[in-house]
Amino acid sequence: MQKIKAEYGDKVTISWKSFPLMTGVLQNREFSAYTAQAWRRADEDEEDIHLKIWDASVECPASSMPALEAAKCAELQGKEAFERLHWALFKAHFEQSKDISEREVLVALAKETGLDAKRFTTELDSSSQRSRILAEYEEAVDKYPGFGIPTVVVADRYPIVGAVPLSVYRRIIDRFLGRSASVKEEGGE
């Protein structure tokens, strides 16, 4: 999404919506072979992605809700604050194998990304953003039943489901914008 925004500038707007995963407490959740394979493929296909397969001795997060709440709390401090924490959360989870469902990890990331830590922890501890997250989840389920994660929706009507190469995003965005030249320049896909 960062590459798309850099390439298309003001022609695209990216809005992140919440979709809670792995909700509830799951004891001894393991990093599956399927997930490991998907991460390896993404790591090989995309030059700017550096995914680290979770160590078997480290328990994976049981829920994405705390990280989603943290991102919404950061958003209350502005779009730039949200962006900084959002990408720090991805890096912590996918590159550093940090449990982003743990409050201590979330607070440390908020501090590292320059958020007002007191305001952030007050909002996080209040669970004030949970209803926004659940509303976004309900909206997604209603509008796009049966979709996967991630789902990127172009122009509120073209869903792109799953982890796909950047060229797929470009092709659909270019069609929507009426631009076919950049697809051909990218190798004729």
N, C-alpha and C. Protein backbone atom coordinates (compact mmCIF):
# COMPACT_ATOMS: atom_id res chain seq x y z
N MET A 1 0.81 -1.18 0.00
CA MET A 1 0.00 0.00 0.00
C MET A 1 0.87 1.26 0.00
N GLN A 2 2.03 1.18 0.64
CA GLN A 2 2.93 2.34 0.62
C GLN A 2 3.42 2.60 -0.80
N LYS A 3 3.71 1.55 -1.53
CA LYS A 3 4.16 1.73 -2.92
C LYS A 3 3.03 2.30 -3.78
N ILE A 4 1.84 1.82 -3.59
CA ILE A 4 0.70 2.33 -4.36
C ILE A 4 0.52 3.81 -4.08
N LYS A 5 0.57 4.19 -2.83
CA LYS A 5 0.40 5.60 -2.47
C LYS A 5 1.52 6.44 -3.06
N ALA A 6 2.74 5.94 -3.02
CA ALA A 6 3.88 6.68 -3.59
C ALA A 6 3.74 6.82 -5.11
N GLU A 7 3.28 5.78 -5.77
CA GLU A 7 3.14 5.80 -7.23
C GLU A 7 1.97 6.65 -7.72
N TYR A 8 0.85 6.59 -7.01
CA TYR A 8 -0.37 7.23 -7.48
C TYR A 8 -0.66 8.56 -6.79
N GLY A 9 0.04 8.85 -5.70
CA GLY A 9 -0.13 10.13 -5.01
C GLY A 9 -1.56 10.42 -4.64
N ASP A 10 -2.01 11.62 -4.98
CA ASP A 10 -3.35 12.07 -4.61
C ASP A 10 -4.46 11.41 -5.42
N LYS A 11 -4.11 10.58 -6.38
CA LYS A 11 -5.13 9.90 -7.18
C LYS A 11 -5.78 8.75 -6.41
N VAL A 12 -5.13 8.33 -5.33
CA VAL A 12 -5.70 7.28 -4.49
C VAL A 12 -5.75 7.74 -3.04
N THR A 13 -6.74 7.25 -2.35
CA THR A 13 -6.87 7.46 -0.92
C THR A 13 -6.93 6.09 -0.28
N ILE A 14 -6.12 5.89 0.73
CA ILE A 14 -6.11 4.60 1.42
C ILE A 14 -6.76 4.77 2.78
N SER A 15 -7.80 4.00 3.01
CA SER A 15 -8.50 3.99 4.30
C SER A 15 -8.37 2.60 4.88
N TRP A 16 -7.81 2.51 6.06
CA TRP A 16 -7.65 1.22 6.71
C TRP A 16 -8.87 0.93 7.56
N LYS A 17 -9.39 -0.28 7.41
CA LYS A 17 -10.55 -0.72 8.18
C LYS A 17 -10.14 -1.92 9.02
N SER A 18 -10.76 -2.03 10.17
CA SER A 18 -10.42 -3.11 11.11
C SER A 18 -11.19 -4.39 10.80
N PHE A 19 -10.50 -5.49 10.95
CA PHE A 19 -11.12 -6.80 10.86
C PHE A 19 -10.43 -7.71 11.87
N PRO A 20 -11.01 -7.86 13.06
CA PRO A 20 -10.36 -8.65 14.11
C PRO A 20 -10.14 -10.09 13.70
N LEU A 21 -8.97 -10.58 14.02
CA LEU A 21 -8.59 -11.97 13.74
C LEU A 21 -8.24 -12.68 15.04
N MET A 22 -8.40 -13.97 15.03
CA MET A 22 -7.98 -14.83 16.14
C MET A 22 -8.55 -14.35 17.47
N THR A 23 -9.77 -13.87 17.49
CA THR A 23 -10.33 -13.39 18.74
C THR A 23 -10.54 -14.53 19.71
N GLY A 24 -10.35 -14.23 20.96
CA GLY A 24 -10.46 -15.22 22.01
C GLY A 24 -9.10 -15.75 22.39
N VAL A 25 -9.04 -16.50 23.44
CA VAL A 25 -7.79 -17.05 23.93
C VAL A 25 -7.59 -18.43 23.31
N LEU A 26 -6.50 -18.60 22.62
CA LEU A 26 -6.19 -19.87 21.99
C LEU A 26 -4.90 -20.40 22.61
N GLN A 27 -5.00 -21.44 23.36
CA GLN A 27 -3.82 -22.00 24.01
C GLN A 27 -2.94 -22.74 23.00
N ASN A 28 -1.65 -22.57 23.11
CA ASN A 28 -0.67 -23.28 22.29
C ASN A 28 -0.92 -23.13 20.79
N ARG A 29 -1.31 -21.94 20.38
CA ARG A 29 -1.51 -21.69 18.95
C ARG A 29 -0.16 -21.74 18.26
N GLU A 30 -0.06 -22.51 17.21
CA GLU A 30 1.20 -22.66 16.50
C GLU A 30 1.14 -21.96 15.16
N PHE A 31 2.29 -21.58 14.68
CA PHE A 31 2.43 -20.98 13.37
C PHE A 31 2.33 -22.12 12.36
N SER A 32 1.26 -22.16 11.58
CA SER A 32 1.00 -23.30 10.70
C SER A 32 1.96 -23.33 9.51
N ALA A 33 2.10 -24.50 8.93
CA ALA A 33 2.94 -24.66 7.74
C ALA A 33 2.38 -23.84 6.58
N TYR A 34 1.05 -23.77 6.49
CA TYR A 34 0.40 -22.97 5.43
C TYR A 34 0.77 -21.49 5.58
N THR A 35 0.68 -20.98 6.80
CA THR A 35 1.01 -19.58 7.05
C THR A 35 2.48 -19.33 6.77
N ALA A 36 3.33 -20.22 7.21
CA ALA A 36 4.76 -20.07 6.96
C ALA A 36 5.05 -20.03 5.46
N GLN A 37 4.40 -20.88 4.69
CA GLN A 37 4.58 -20.90 3.24
C GLN A 37 4.12 -19.57 2.62
N ALA A 38 2.98 -19.05 3.07
CA ALA A 38 2.46 -17.78 2.54
C ALA A 38 3.42 -16.64 2.87
N TRP A 39 3.97 -16.64 4.07
CA TRP A 39 4.92 -15.59 4.46
C TRP A 39 6.20 -15.69 3.62
N ARG A 40 6.68 -16.91 3.38
CA ARG A 40 7.90 -17.07 2.57
C ARG A 40 7.67 -16.57 1.14
N ARG A 41 6.49 -16.87 0.58
CA ARG A 41 6.17 -16.41 -0.76
C ARG A 41 6.14 -14.89 -0.81
N ALA A 42 5.48 -14.27 0.14
CA ALA A 42 5.41 -12.81 0.17
C ALA A 42 6.80 -12.21 0.35
N ASP A 43 7.61 -12.82 1.19
CA ASP A 43 8.97 -12.34 1.43
C ASP A 43 9.81 -12.41 0.15
N GLU A 44 9.62 -13.45 -0.63
CA GLU A 44 10.36 -13.62 -1.87
C GLU A 44 9.83 -12.73 -2.99
N ASP A 45 8.50 -12.54 -3.04
CA ASP A 45 7.88 -11.80 -4.13
C ASP A 45 8.02 -10.28 -4.00
N GLU A 46 8.04 -9.77 -2.80
CA GLU A 46 8.05 -8.33 -2.59
C GLU A 46 9.37 -7.90 -1.97
N GLU A 47 10.11 -7.07 -2.68
CA GLU A 47 11.44 -6.67 -2.24
C GLU A 47 11.46 -5.90 -0.93
N ASP A 48 10.40 -5.16 -0.60
CA ASP A 48 10.38 -4.34 0.61
C ASP A 48 9.80 -5.06 1.81
N ILE A 49 9.44 -6.31 1.66
CA ILE A 49 8.88 -7.07 2.77
C ILE A 49 9.96 -8.02 3.29
N HIS A 50 10.09 -8.01 4.61
CA HIS A 50 11.08 -8.88 5.25
C HIS A 50 10.40 -9.59 6.41
N LEU A 51 9.79 -10.71 6.10
CA LEU A 51 9.03 -11.45 7.10
C LEU A 51 9.90 -12.47 7.80
N LYS A 52 9.71 -12.58 9.08
CA LYS A 52 10.44 -13.55 9.89
C LYS A 52 9.43 -14.58 10.38
N ILE A 53 9.67 -15.83 10.06
CA ILE A 53 8.78 -16.89 10.52
C ILE A 53 8.91 -17.00 12.04
N TRP A 54 7.78 -17.07 12.71
CA TRP A 54 7.78 -17.12 14.16
C TRP A 54 8.54 -18.34 14.67
N ASP A 55 9.35 -18.13 15.67
CA ASP A 55 10.07 -19.19 16.35
C ASP A 55 9.04 -20.07 17.04
N ALA A 56 9.19 -21.37 16.94
CA ALA A 56 8.23 -22.31 17.52
C ALA A 56 8.13 -22.15 19.04
N SER A 57 9.17 -21.61 19.67
CA SER A 57 9.14 -21.44 21.13
C SER A 57 8.40 -20.17 21.56
N VAL A 58 8.02 -19.33 20.59
CA VAL A 58 7.33 -18.08 20.90
C VAL A 58 5.85 -18.24 20.54
N GLU A 59 4.98 -17.96 21.50
CA GLU A 59 3.55 -18.09 21.25
C GLU A 59 3.06 -16.93 20.39
N CYS A 60 2.28 -17.25 19.38
CA CYS A 60 1.70 -16.22 18.51
C CYS A 60 0.60 -15.47 19.25
N PRO A 61 0.33 -14.23 18.85
CA PRO A 61 -0.76 -13.50 19.48
C PRO A 61 -2.08 -14.25 19.36
N ALA A 62 -2.88 -14.20 20.41
CA ALA A 62 -4.17 -14.88 20.41
C ALA A 62 -5.25 -14.03 19.78
N SER A 63 -5.02 -12.73 19.64
CA SER A 63 -6.05 -11.85 19.11
C SER A 63 -5.41 -10.61 18.50
N SER A 64 -6.02 -10.12 17.43
CA SER A 64 -5.55 -8.88 16.83
C SER A 64 -6.26 -7.66 17.42
N MET A 65 -7.26 -7.89 18.25
CA MET A 65 -8.04 -6.79 18.81
C MET A 65 -7.18 -5.75 19.54
N PRO A 66 -6.25 -6.14 20.40
CA PRO A 66 -5.44 -5.11 21.07
C PRO A 66 -4.66 -4.22 20.09
N ALA A 67 -4.10 -4.80 19.05
CA ALA A 67 -3.36 -4.01 18.06
C ALA A 67 -4.30 -3.09 17.29
N LEU A 68 -5.48 -3.59 16.96
CA LEU A 68 -6.46 -2.76 16.26
C LEU A 68 -6.89 -1.59 17.15
N GLU A 69 -7.10 -1.87 18.42
CA GLU A 69 -7.46 -0.79 19.36
C GLU A 69 -6.32 0.23 19.46
N ALA A 70 -5.10 -0.26 19.50
CA ALA A 70 -3.94 0.64 19.57
C ALA A 70 -3.88 1.55 18.35
N ALA A 71 -4.11 0.98 17.18
CA ALA A 71 -4.08 1.78 15.94
C ALA A 71 -5.17 2.84 15.96
N LYS A 72 -6.36 2.48 16.43
CA LYS A 72 -7.46 3.47 16.51
C LYS A 72 -7.13 4.55 17.53
N CYS A 73 -6.49 4.18 18.64
CA CYS A 73 -6.08 5.18 19.64
C CYS A 73 -5.03 6.12 19.05
N ALA A 74 -4.13 5.60 18.26
CA ALA A 74 -3.13 6.45 17.60
C ALA A 74 -3.81 7.39 16.62
N GLU A 75 -4.82 6.90 15.92
CA GLU A 75 -5.54 7.71 14.94
C GLU A 75 -6.18 8.94 15.60
N LEU A 76 -6.54 8.82 16.86
CA LEU A 76 -7.11 9.96 17.58
C LEU A 76 -6.09 11.10 17.73
N GLN A 77 -4.80 10.77 17.55
CA GLN A 77 -3.74 11.77 17.62
C GLN A 77 -3.34 12.29 16.23
N GLY A 78 -4.06 11.87 15.21
CA GLY A 78 -3.83 12.36 13.87
C GLY A 78 -3.44 11.27 12.90
N LYS A 79 -3.59 11.60 11.61
CA LYS A 79 -3.30 10.62 10.56
C LYS A 79 -1.83 10.18 10.58
N GLU A 80 -0.93 11.12 10.79
CA GLU A 80 0.50 10.78 10.81
C GLU A 80 0.83 9.86 11.99
N ALA A 81 0.21 10.13 13.14
CA ALA A 81 0.41 9.27 14.31
C ALA A 81 -0.08 7.86 14.02
N PHE A 82 -1.24 7.78 13.38
CA PHE A 82 -1.77 6.46 13.00
C PHE A 82 -0.80 5.74 12.07
N GLU A 83 -0.33 6.44 11.03
CA GLU A 83 0.57 5.81 10.06
C GLU A 83 1.83 5.28 10.74
N ARG A 84 2.41 6.08 11.61
CA ARG A 84 3.64 5.66 12.29
C ARG A 84 3.40 4.40 13.12
N LEU A 85 2.34 4.40 13.91
CA LEU A 85 2.08 3.23 14.76
C LEU A 85 1.64 2.04 13.92
N HIS A 86 0.82 2.28 12.92
CA HIS A 86 0.34 1.22 12.05
C HIS A 86 1.51 0.42 11.46
N TRP A 87 2.45 1.11 10.86
CA TRP A 87 3.59 0.42 10.25
C TRP A 87 4.51 -0.18 11.30
N ALA A 88 4.61 0.45 12.46
CA ALA A 88 5.41 -0.13 13.54
C ALA A 88 4.79 -1.44 14.03
N LEU A 89 3.46 -1.50 14.06
CA LEU A 89 2.78 -2.74 14.45
C LEU A 89 3.06 -3.86 13.45
N PHE A 90 3.00 -3.54 12.16
CA PHE A 90 3.31 -4.55 11.13
C PHE A 90 4.74 -5.04 11.29
N LYS A 91 5.66 -4.11 11.45
CA LYS A 91 7.07 -4.48 11.58
C LYS A 91 7.29 -5.33 12.84
N ALA A 92 6.70 -4.92 13.95
CA ALA A 92 6.85 -5.67 15.20
C ALA A 92 6.34 -7.10 15.05
N HIS A 93 5.19 -7.26 14.41
CA HIS A 93 4.61 -8.60 14.27
C HIS A 93 5.33 -9.43 13.22
N PHE A 94 5.47 -8.87 12.02
CA PHE A 94 5.96 -9.67 10.90
C PHE A 94 7.48 -9.78 10.81
N GLU A 95 8.20 -8.81 11.33
CA GLU A 95 9.66 -8.85 11.22
C GLU A 95 10.36 -9.19 12.53
N GLN A 96 9.71 -8.84 13.65
CA GLN A 96 10.38 -8.98 14.94
C GLN A 96 9.73 -10.02 15.85
N SER A 97 8.68 -10.66 15.40
CA SER A 97 7.96 -11.68 16.18
C SER A 97 7.56 -11.18 17.56
N LYS A 98 7.10 -9.95 17.62
CA LYS A 98 6.62 -9.41 18.89
C LYS A 98 5.13 -9.67 19.00
N ASP A 99 4.69 -9.94 20.20
CA ASP A 99 3.28 -10.22 20.45
C ASP A 99 2.53 -8.89 20.58
N ILE A 100 1.93 -8.47 19.49
CA ILE A 100 1.24 -7.18 19.47
C ILE A 100 -0.15 -7.25 20.08
N SER A 101 -0.42 -8.33 20.81
CA SER A 101 -1.64 -8.37 21.62
C SER A 101 -1.32 -8.02 23.07
N GLU A 102 -0.04 -7.82 23.36
CA GLU A 102 0.40 -7.50 24.72
C GLU A 102 0.43 -5.98 24.93
N ARG A 103 -0.20 -5.51 25.99
CA ARG A 103 -0.27 -4.09 26.30
C ARG A 103 1.12 -3.45 26.36
N GLU A 104 2.07 -4.11 27.01
CA GLU A 104 3.42 -3.55 27.17
C GLU A 104 4.08 -3.30 25.81
N VAL A 105 3.87 -4.20 24.88
CA VAL A 105 4.44 -4.05 23.54
C VAL A 105 3.78 -2.86 22.84
N LEU A 106 2.48 -2.73 22.97
CA LEU A 106 1.75 -1.64 22.32
C LEU A 106 2.17 -0.28 22.88
N VAL A 107 2.31 -0.19 24.19
CA VAL A 107 2.72 1.07 24.82
C VAL A 107 4.15 1.42 24.40
N ALA A 108 5.03 0.44 24.36
CA ALA A 108 6.41 0.69 23.93
C ALA A 108 6.45 1.19 22.49
N LEU A 109 5.65 0.58 21.61
CA LEU A 109 5.60 1.02 20.22
C LEU A 109 5.04 2.44 20.10
N ALA A 110 4.05 2.75 20.91
CA ALA A 110 3.48 4.10 20.90
C ALA A 110 4.56 5.12 21.28
N LYS A 111 5.33 4.80 22.29
CA LYS A 111 6.41 5.71 22.71
C LYS A 111 7.48 5.82 21.62
N GLU A 112 7.86 4.68 21.05
CA GLU A 112 8.89 4.66 19.99
C GLU A 112 8.47 5.47 18.77
N THR A 113 7.18 5.54 18.50
CA THR A 113 6.70 6.24 17.30
C THR A 113 6.30 7.68 17.59
N GLY A 114 6.60 8.15 18.80
CA GLY A 114 6.39 9.56 19.12
C GLY A 114 4.98 9.97 19.47
N LEU A 115 4.16 9.03 19.87
CA LEU A 115 2.79 9.38 20.28
C LEU A 115 2.82 10.00 21.67
N ASP A 116 1.77 10.73 22.00
CA ASP A 116 1.57 11.22 23.36
C ASP A 116 1.24 9.98 24.18
N ALA A 117 2.21 9.47 24.92
CA ALA A 117 2.08 8.18 25.59
C ALA A 117 0.97 8.19 26.64
N LYS A 118 0.83 9.27 27.37
CA LYS A 118 -0.20 9.33 28.41
C LYS A 118 -1.59 9.26 27.77
N ARG A 119 -1.80 10.06 26.75
CA ARG A 119 -3.09 10.05 26.06
C ARG A 119 -3.35 8.67 25.45
N PHE A 120 -2.33 8.10 24.83
CA PHE A 120 -2.46 6.79 24.19
C PHE A 120 -2.87 5.73 25.21
N THR A 121 -2.17 5.64 26.33
CA THR A 121 -2.47 4.60 27.31
C THR A 121 -3.85 4.80 27.94
N THR A 122 -4.23 6.07 28.14
CA THR A 122 -5.57 6.34 28.68
C THR A 122 -6.64 5.82 27.73
N GLU A 123 -6.49 6.13 26.44
CA GLU A 123 -7.46 5.66 25.44
C GLU A 123 -7.44 4.14 25.32
N LEU A 124 -6.23 3.57 25.28
CA LEU A 124 -6.10 2.11 25.14
C LEU A 124 -6.75 1.40 26.32
N ASP A 125 -6.46 1.86 27.53
CA ASP A 125 -7.00 1.21 28.72
C ASP A 125 -8.52 1.37 28.85
N SER A 126 -9.07 2.38 28.20
CA SER A 126 -10.51 2.61 28.29
C SER A 126 -11.32 1.73 27.34
N SER A 127 -10.65 1.10 26.39
CA SER A 127 -11.32 0.30 25.35
C SER A 127 -12.33 1.12 24.56
N SER A 128 -12.09 2.42 24.47
CA SER A 128 -13.04 3.33 23.82
C SER A 128 -13.18 3.11 22.33
N GLN A 129 -12.23 2.45 21.71
CA GLN A 129 -12.26 2.28 20.25
C GLN A 129 -12.83 0.94 19.80
N ARG A 130 -13.14 0.09 20.75
CA ARG A 130 -13.63 -1.26 20.42
C ARG A 130 -14.91 -1.21 19.59
N SER A 131 -15.81 -0.31 19.90
CA SER A 131 -17.07 -0.24 19.15
C SER A 131 -16.82 0.17 17.70
N ARG A 132 -15.85 1.05 17.44
CA ARG A 132 -15.50 1.42 16.06
C ARG A 132 -14.98 0.21 15.30
N ILE A 133 -14.16 -0.57 15.94
CA ILE A 133 -13.57 -1.76 15.31
C ILE A 133 -14.67 -2.76 14.96
N LEU A 134 -15.55 -3.00 15.89
CA LEU A 134 -16.63 -3.96 15.65
C LEU A 134 -17.60 -3.46 14.58
N ALA A 135 -17.82 -2.15 14.52
CA ALA A 135 -18.68 -1.59 13.47
C ALA A 135 -18.03 -1.78 12.09
N GLU A 136 -16.73 -1.57 12.00
CA GLU A 136 -16.03 -1.79 10.73
C GLU A 136 -16.07 -3.26 10.33
N TYR A 137 -15.96 -4.13 11.30
CA TYR A 137 -16.05 -5.57 11.03
C TYR A 137 -17.43 -5.92 10.47
N GLU A 138 -18.47 -5.43 11.13
CA GLU A 138 -19.84 -5.71 10.67
C GLU A 138 -20.07 -5.16 9.27
N GLU A 139 -19.55 -3.98 8.99
CA GLU A 139 -19.68 -3.39 7.66
C GLU A 139 -19.02 -4.28 6.61
N ALA A 140 -17.82 -4.77 6.92
CA ALA A 140 -17.10 -5.62 5.98
C ALA A 140 -17.83 -6.92 5.71
N VAL A 141 -18.34 -7.54 6.76
CA VAL A 141 -19.06 -8.80 6.61
C VAL A 141 -20.34 -8.60 5.79
N ASP A 142 -21.01 -7.47 6.01
CA ASP A 142 -22.24 -7.19 5.26
C ASP A 142 -21.97 -6.90 3.79
N LYS A 143 -20.93 -6.11 3.51
CA LYS A 143 -20.66 -5.68 2.14
C LYS A 143 -19.93 -6.74 1.31
N TYR A 144 -19.04 -7.50 1.96
CA TYR A 144 -18.19 -8.44 1.23
C TYR A 144 -18.20 -9.81 1.92
N PRO A 145 -19.33 -10.50 1.91
CA PRO A 145 -19.38 -11.81 2.58
C PRO A 145 -18.42 -12.80 1.92
N GLY A 146 -17.77 -13.56 2.76
CA GLY A 146 -16.88 -14.59 2.26
C GLY A 146 -15.51 -14.11 1.82
N PHE A 147 -15.17 -12.87 2.15
CA PHE A 147 -13.88 -12.36 1.72
C PHE A 147 -12.77 -12.86 2.63
N GLY A 148 -11.53 -12.68 2.21
CA GLY A 148 -10.37 -13.11 2.98
C GLY A 148 -9.58 -11.92 3.49
N ILE A 149 -8.49 -12.23 4.13
CA ILE A 149 -7.61 -11.21 4.69
C ILE A 149 -6.28 -11.32 3.99
N PRO A 150 -5.76 -10.27 3.45
CA PRO A 150 -6.37 -8.95 3.38
C PRO A 150 -7.37 -8.86 2.23
N THR A 151 -8.26 -7.90 2.33
CA THR A 151 -9.12 -7.52 1.22
C THR A 151 -8.92 -6.04 0.98
N VAL A 152 -8.60 -5.70 -0.24
CA VAL A 152 -8.44 -4.30 -0.63
C VAL A 152 -9.58 -4.01 -1.59
N VAL A 153 -10.33 -2.97 -1.31
CA VAL A 153 -11.48 -2.62 -2.13
C VAL A 153 -11.15 -1.33 -2.88
N VAL A 154 -11.16 -1.40 -4.20
CA VAL A 154 -10.88 -0.24 -5.04
C VAL A 154 -12.21 0.37 -5.46
N ALA A 155 -12.31 1.68 -5.25
CA ALA A 155 -13.51 2.45 -5.64
C ALA A 155 -14.78 1.91 -4.99
N ASP A 156 -14.64 1.33 -3.83
CA ASP A 156 -15.76 0.80 -3.07
C ASP A 156 -16.56 -0.26 -3.82
N ARG A 157 -15.93 -0.87 -4.85
CA ARG A 157 -16.67 -1.91 -5.58
C ARG A 157 -15.82 -3.00 -6.19
N TYR A 158 -14.51 -2.88 -6.20
CA TYR A 158 -13.65 -3.91 -6.79
C TYR A 158 -12.81 -4.54 -5.68
N PRO A 159 -13.27 -5.63 -5.07
CA PRO A 159 -12.48 -6.25 -4.02
C PRO A 159 -11.33 -7.09 -4.59
N ILE A 160 -10.18 -6.91 -3.99
CA ILE A 160 -9.00 -7.73 -4.29
C ILE A 160 -8.74 -8.54 -3.03
N VAL A 161 -8.90 -9.85 -3.11
CA VAL A 161 -8.85 -10.69 -1.93
C VAL A 161 -7.54 -11.46 -1.85
N GLY A 162 -6.96 -11.43 -0.67
CA GLY A 162 -5.74 -12.19 -0.40
C GLY A 162 -4.49 -11.41 -0.71
N ALA A 163 -3.37 -11.98 -0.35
CA ALA A 163 -2.08 -11.37 -0.60
C ALA A 163 -1.74 -11.58 -2.07
N VAL A 164 -1.77 -10.52 -2.84
CA VAL A 164 -1.53 -10.62 -4.28
C VAL A 164 -0.35 -9.73 -4.65
N PRO A 165 0.28 -10.00 -5.77
CA PRO A 165 1.40 -9.16 -6.21
C PRO A 165 0.96 -7.72 -6.47
N LEU A 166 1.89 -6.82 -6.34
CA LEU A 166 1.65 -5.40 -6.56
C LEU A 166 1.07 -5.13 -7.95
N SER A 167 1.46 -5.92 -8.93
CA SER A 167 0.97 -5.73 -10.30
C SER A 167 -0.55 -5.88 -10.40
N VAL A 168 -1.15 -6.70 -9.54
CA VAL A 168 -2.61 -6.87 -9.54
C VAL A 168 -3.27 -5.57 -9.07
N TYR A 169 -2.75 -4.99 -8.02
CA TYR A 169 -3.30 -3.72 -7.54
C TYR A 169 -3.18 -2.65 -8.63
N ARG A 170 -2.01 -2.58 -9.24
CA ARG A 170 -1.79 -1.58 -10.30
C ARG A 170 -2.79 -1.75 -11.44
N ARG A 171 -2.97 -2.99 -11.86
CA ARG A 171 -3.86 -3.26 -12.99
C ARG A 171 -5.28 -2.79 -12.70
N ILE A 172 -5.79 -3.09 -11.53
CA ILE A 172 -7.17 -2.70 -11.20
C ILE A 172 -7.28 -1.20 -11.00
N ILE A 173 -6.31 -0.61 -10.32
CA ILE A 173 -6.35 0.85 -10.13
C ILE A 173 -6.24 1.56 -11.46
N ASP A 174 -5.36 1.09 -12.32
CA ASP A 174 -5.21 1.71 -13.63
C ASP A 174 -6.49 1.60 -14.46
N ARG A 175 -7.15 0.47 -14.39
CA ARG A 175 -8.42 0.33 -15.10
C ARG A 175 -9.45 1.31 -14.57
N PHE A 176 -9.51 1.43 -13.26
CA PHE A 176 -10.46 2.36 -12.67
C PHE A 176 -10.14 3.80 -13.06
N LEU A 177 -8.86 4.15 -13.10
CA LEU A 177 -8.45 5.50 -13.45
C LEU A 177 -8.43 5.74 -14.96
N GLY A 178 -8.65 4.66 -15.74
CA GLY A 178 -8.62 4.79 -17.19
C GLY A 178 -7.22 4.86 -17.75
N ARG A 179 -6.27 4.30 -17.00
CA ARG A 179 -4.87 4.31 -17.43
C ARG A 179 -4.44 2.89 -17.73
N SER A 180 -4.09 2.60 -18.96
CA SER A 180 -3.58 1.26 -19.26
C SER A 180 -2.10 1.29 -19.58
N ALA A 181 -1.54 2.47 -19.82
CA ALA A 181 -0.13 2.58 -20.23
C ALA A 181 0.81 2.10 -19.14
N SER A 182 0.52 2.41 -17.86
CA SER A 182 1.46 2.02 -16.81
C SER A 182 1.50 0.51 -16.62
N VAL A 183 0.40 -0.17 -16.92
CA VAL A 183 0.42 -1.64 -16.83
C VAL A 183 1.36 -2.20 -17.89
N LYS A 184 1.29 -1.66 -19.10
CA LYS A 184 2.18 -2.14 -20.15
C LYS A 184 3.63 -1.81 -19.85
N GLU A 185 3.87 -0.65 -19.25
CA GLU A 185 5.23 -0.27 -18.90
C GLU A 185 5.81 -1.19 -17.84
N GLU A 186 4.95 -1.76 -17.01
CA GLU A 186 5.40 -2.63 -15.95
C GLU A 186 5.73 -4.04 -16.45
N GLY A 187 5.59 -4.29 -17.70
CA GLY A 187 5.93 -5.60 -18.23
C GLY A 187 4.78 -6.27 -18.96
N GLY A 188 3.75 -5.54 -19.25
CA GLY A 188 2.67 -6.07 -20.07
C GLY A 188 1.77 -7.05 -19.39
N GLU A 189 1.67 -6.97 -18.07
CA GLU A 189 0.81 -7.91 -17.34
C GLU A 189 -0.64 -7.64 -17.60
